[in-house]
Amino acid sequence: MRHYIESRDGKVVDMITLSTRNERNATVAMIAATKFNIERVFGIRLSNGVDMTLLNDFLKESGIYGGNYEVLTESEAL
């Protein structure tokens, strides 16, 4: 929403986030399997790990979590 407002010359002065799920005891934090899938689809495999620079740059340019994909919630990551 912030990106939408600012892309139309608006100014965001405050934010709040609400989250809800219908299931009981729903997972909010991204689970390891989801993180692995994001890295598999969007990452570049290197001998010493996974380079997620392109995804992080996209998130940062969009004003999402300072460009850190690891803090996405499970539902956002799906």
N, C-alpha and C. Protein backbone atom coordinates (compact mmCIF):
# COMPACT_ATOMS: atom_id res chain seq x y z
N MET A 1 0.82 -1.18 0.00
CA MET A 1 0.00 0.00 0.00
C MET A 1 0.87 1.25 0.00
N ARG A 2 1.96 1.20 0.79
CA ARG A 2 2.86 2.37 0.83
C ARG A 2 3.40 2.67 -0.55
N HIS A 3 3.85 1.63 -1.24
CA HIS A 3 4.40 1.83 -2.59
C HIS A 3 3.34 2.46 -3.50
N TYR A 4 2.12 1.98 -3.43
CA TYR A 4 1.03 2.52 -4.26
C TYR A 4 0.83 4.01 -3.99
N ILE A 5 0.76 4.38 -2.73
CA ILE A 5 0.53 5.78 -2.35
C ILE A 5 1.67 6.67 -2.83
N GLU A 6 2.91 6.24 -2.55
CA GLU A 6 4.07 7.06 -2.92
C GLU A 6 4.28 7.13 -4.42
N SER A 7 3.89 6.08 -5.14
CA SER A 7 4.06 6.11 -6.60
C SER A 7 3.08 7.08 -7.26
N ARG A 8 2.11 7.53 -6.51
CA ARG A 8 1.14 8.51 -7.01
C ARG A 8 1.31 9.86 -6.31
N ASP A 9 2.56 10.12 -5.90
CA ASP A 9 2.96 11.38 -5.26
C ASP A 9 2.31 11.63 -3.91
N GLY A 10 1.80 10.60 -3.27
CA GLY A 10 1.28 10.73 -1.92
C GLY A 10 2.40 10.60 -0.91
N LYS A 11 2.11 10.95 0.33
CA LYS A 11 3.11 10.85 1.39
C LYS A 11 2.51 10.03 2.53
N VAL A 12 3.19 8.96 2.88
CA VAL A 12 2.75 8.11 3.99
C VAL A 12 3.28 8.71 5.27
N VAL A 13 2.40 8.99 6.23
CA VAL A 13 2.82 9.60 7.48
C VAL A 13 2.76 8.64 8.66
N ASP A 14 2.06 7.52 8.50
CA ASP A 14 1.96 6.55 9.57
C ASP A 14 1.51 5.22 8.98
N MET A 15 1.86 4.13 9.64
CA MET A 15 1.46 2.80 9.16
C MET A 15 1.12 1.91 10.34
N ILE A 16 0.23 0.98 10.09
CA ILE A 16 -0.09 -0.07 11.05
C ILE A 16 -0.40 -1.32 10.26
N THR A 17 -0.07 -2.46 10.81
CA THR A 17 -0.32 -3.72 10.12
C THR A 17 -1.17 -4.61 11.02
N LEU A 18 -2.19 -5.17 10.43
CA LEU A 18 -3.04 -6.13 11.12
C LEU A 18 -2.98 -7.44 10.36
N SER A 19 -3.00 -8.53 11.07
CA SER A 19 -2.94 -9.83 10.41
C SER A 19 -3.89 -10.79 11.10
N THR A 20 -4.49 -11.62 10.31
CA THR A 20 -5.37 -12.64 10.88
C THR A 20 -5.39 -13.85 9.98
N ARG A 21 -5.66 -14.98 10.56
CA ARG A 21 -5.79 -16.23 9.81
C ARG A 21 -7.00 -16.96 10.36
N ASN A 22 -7.64 -17.75 9.56
CA ASN A 22 -8.80 -18.51 10.00
C ASN A 22 -8.43 -19.75 10.79
N GLU A 23 -7.30 -20.36 10.47
CA GLU A 23 -6.91 -21.59 11.15
C GLU A 23 -6.41 -21.29 12.56
N ARG A 24 -6.61 -22.22 13.45
CA ARG A 24 -6.07 -22.08 14.81
C ARG A 24 -4.58 -22.35 14.79
N ASN A 25 -3.85 -21.62 15.62
CA ASN A 25 -2.41 -21.78 15.75
C ASN A 25 -1.69 -21.64 14.40
N ALA A 26 -2.15 -20.76 13.57
CA ALA A 26 -1.54 -20.56 12.25
C ALA A 26 -0.12 -20.01 12.41
N THR A 27 0.75 -20.44 11.54
CA THR A 27 2.13 -19.97 11.54
C THR A 27 2.20 -18.58 10.93
N VAL A 28 2.83 -17.66 11.63
CA VAL A 28 3.00 -16.31 11.10
C VAL A 28 4.37 -16.19 10.45
N ALA A 29 5.41 -16.62 11.12
CA ALA A 29 6.77 -16.52 10.58
C ALA A 29 6.94 -17.49 9.42
N MET A 30 7.76 -17.11 8.46
CA MET A 30 8.03 -17.96 7.30
C MET A 30 8.71 -19.25 7.76
N ILE A 31 8.19 -20.38 7.30
CA ILE A 31 8.78 -21.67 7.69
C ILE A 31 9.95 -22.00 6.77
N ALA A 32 10.78 -22.91 7.21
CA ALA A 32 12.01 -23.25 6.49
C ALA A 32 11.73 -23.73 5.06
N ALA A 33 10.69 -24.53 4.87
CA ALA A 33 10.37 -25.05 3.54
C ALA A 33 10.01 -23.92 2.58
N THR A 34 9.28 -22.93 3.06
CA THR A 34 8.90 -21.79 2.21
C THR A 34 10.13 -20.97 1.86
N LYS A 35 11.00 -20.74 2.86
CA LYS A 35 12.24 -19.99 2.61
C LYS A 35 13.08 -20.72 1.57
N PHE A 36 13.19 -22.04 1.68
CA PHE A 36 13.95 -22.83 0.72
C PHE A 36 13.37 -22.67 -0.69
N ASN A 37 12.04 -22.70 -0.81
CA ASN A 37 11.41 -22.55 -2.13
C ASN A 37 11.65 -21.17 -2.72
N ILE A 38 11.60 -20.13 -1.90
CA ILE A 38 11.89 -18.78 -2.39
C ILE A 38 13.33 -18.71 -2.89
N GLU A 39 14.25 -19.28 -2.14
CA GLU A 39 15.66 -19.27 -2.54
C GLU A 39 15.86 -20.09 -3.82
N ARG A 40 15.13 -21.18 -3.95
CA ARG A 40 15.24 -22.04 -5.14
C ARG A 40 14.73 -21.30 -6.38
N VAL A 41 13.63 -20.59 -6.24
CA VAL A 41 13.01 -19.92 -7.38
C VAL A 41 13.69 -18.59 -7.71
N PHE A 42 14.01 -17.79 -6.69
CA PHE A 42 14.49 -16.42 -6.92
C PHE A 42 15.99 -16.24 -6.70
N GLY A 43 16.64 -17.23 -6.12
CA GLY A 43 18.06 -17.09 -5.79
C GLY A 43 18.99 -17.58 -6.88
N ILE A 44 20.24 -17.24 -6.70
CA ILE A 44 21.30 -17.70 -7.58
C ILE A 44 22.22 -18.56 -6.73
N ARG A 45 22.32 -19.84 -7.05
CA ARG A 45 23.14 -20.76 -6.27
C ARG A 45 24.61 -20.50 -6.49
N LEU A 46 25.32 -20.32 -5.40
CA LEU A 46 26.77 -20.16 -5.43
C LEU A 46 27.38 -21.29 -4.63
N SER A 47 28.66 -21.49 -4.76
CA SER A 47 29.31 -22.59 -4.04
C SER A 47 29.24 -22.40 -2.53
N ASN A 48 29.13 -21.14 -2.09
CA ASN A 48 29.10 -20.87 -0.64
C ASN A 48 27.72 -20.42 -0.15
N GLY A 49 26.68 -20.69 -0.91
CA GLY A 49 25.34 -20.32 -0.45
C GLY A 49 24.47 -19.83 -1.60
N VAL A 50 23.48 -19.01 -1.25
CA VAL A 50 22.52 -18.51 -2.22
C VAL A 50 22.58 -16.99 -2.24
N ASP A 51 22.70 -16.41 -3.42
CA ASP A 51 22.71 -14.96 -3.59
C ASP A 51 21.27 -14.50 -3.83
N MET A 52 20.73 -13.72 -2.91
CA MET A 52 19.36 -13.23 -3.01
C MET A 52 19.33 -11.74 -3.32
N THR A 53 20.42 -11.22 -3.88
CA THR A 53 20.54 -9.78 -4.13
C THR A 53 19.41 -9.23 -4.98
N LEU A 54 19.05 -9.93 -6.06
CA LEU A 54 18.01 -9.41 -6.95
C LEU A 54 16.67 -9.28 -6.23
N LEU A 55 16.29 -10.30 -5.47
CA LEU A 55 15.03 -10.22 -4.73
C LEU A 55 15.10 -9.14 -3.66
N ASN A 56 16.19 -9.09 -2.93
CA ASN A 56 16.34 -8.07 -1.89
C ASN A 56 16.30 -6.66 -2.48
N ASP A 57 16.95 -6.46 -3.64
CA ASP A 57 16.91 -5.16 -4.30
C ASP A 57 15.49 -4.79 -4.70
N PHE A 58 14.75 -5.75 -5.24
CA PHE A 58 13.37 -5.51 -5.63
C PHE A 58 12.53 -5.10 -4.42
N LEU A 59 12.68 -5.83 -3.32
CA LEU A 59 11.92 -5.51 -2.11
C LEU A 59 12.29 -4.13 -1.59
N LYS A 60 13.57 -3.81 -1.61
CA LYS A 60 14.03 -2.51 -1.12
C LYS A 60 13.47 -1.38 -1.99
N GLU A 61 13.55 -1.54 -3.30
CA GLU A 61 13.02 -0.52 -4.21
C GLU A 61 11.51 -0.35 -4.04
N SER A 62 10.83 -1.42 -3.63
CA SER A 62 9.39 -1.38 -3.43
C SER A 62 9.02 -0.90 -2.02
N GLY A 63 10.03 -0.67 -1.19
CA GLY A 63 9.78 -0.22 0.17
C GLY A 63 9.24 -1.31 1.08
N ILE A 64 9.65 -2.55 0.82
CA ILE A 64 9.15 -3.69 1.59
C ILE A 64 10.25 -4.22 2.49
N TYR A 65 10.07 -4.11 3.78
CA TYR A 65 10.96 -4.67 4.79
C TYR A 65 12.42 -4.30 4.60
N GLY A 66 12.69 -3.13 4.09
CA GLY A 66 14.06 -2.69 3.91
C GLY A 66 14.86 -3.57 2.97
N GLY A 67 14.18 -4.39 2.18
CA GLY A 67 14.85 -5.26 1.23
C GLY A 67 15.33 -6.57 1.80
N ASN A 68 14.69 -7.05 2.85
CA ASN A 68 15.11 -8.31 3.48
C ASN A 68 14.00 -9.35 3.33
N TYR A 69 14.16 -10.28 2.38
CA TYR A 69 13.13 -11.29 2.13
C TYR A 69 12.92 -12.21 3.33
N GLU A 70 13.90 -12.35 4.19
CA GLU A 70 13.81 -13.29 5.29
C GLU A 70 12.77 -12.88 6.36
N VAL A 71 12.29 -11.64 6.32
CA VAL A 71 11.32 -11.22 7.31
C VAL A 71 9.88 -11.25 6.78
N LEU A 72 9.70 -11.79 5.57
CA LEU A 72 8.34 -11.98 5.06
C LEU A 72 7.58 -12.94 5.97
N THR A 73 6.29 -12.75 6.12
CA THR A 73 5.49 -13.71 6.85
C THR A 73 5.22 -14.92 5.96
N GLU A 74 4.77 -16.00 6.54
CA GLU A 74 4.48 -17.20 5.77
C GLU A 74 3.46 -16.92 4.66
N SER A 75 2.40 -16.21 4.98
CA SER A 75 1.38 -15.93 3.97
C SER A 75 1.88 -14.98 2.89
N GLU A 76 2.76 -14.04 3.23
CA GLU A 76 3.34 -13.14 2.22
C GLU A 76 4.28 -13.92 1.31
N ALA A 77 5.00 -14.85 1.86
CA ALA A 77 5.99 -15.61 1.09
C ALA A 77 5.36 -16.61 0.16
N LEU A 78 4.15 -17.04 0.49
CA LEU A 78 3.49 -18.01 -0.39
C LEU A 78 3.05 -17.30 -1.61
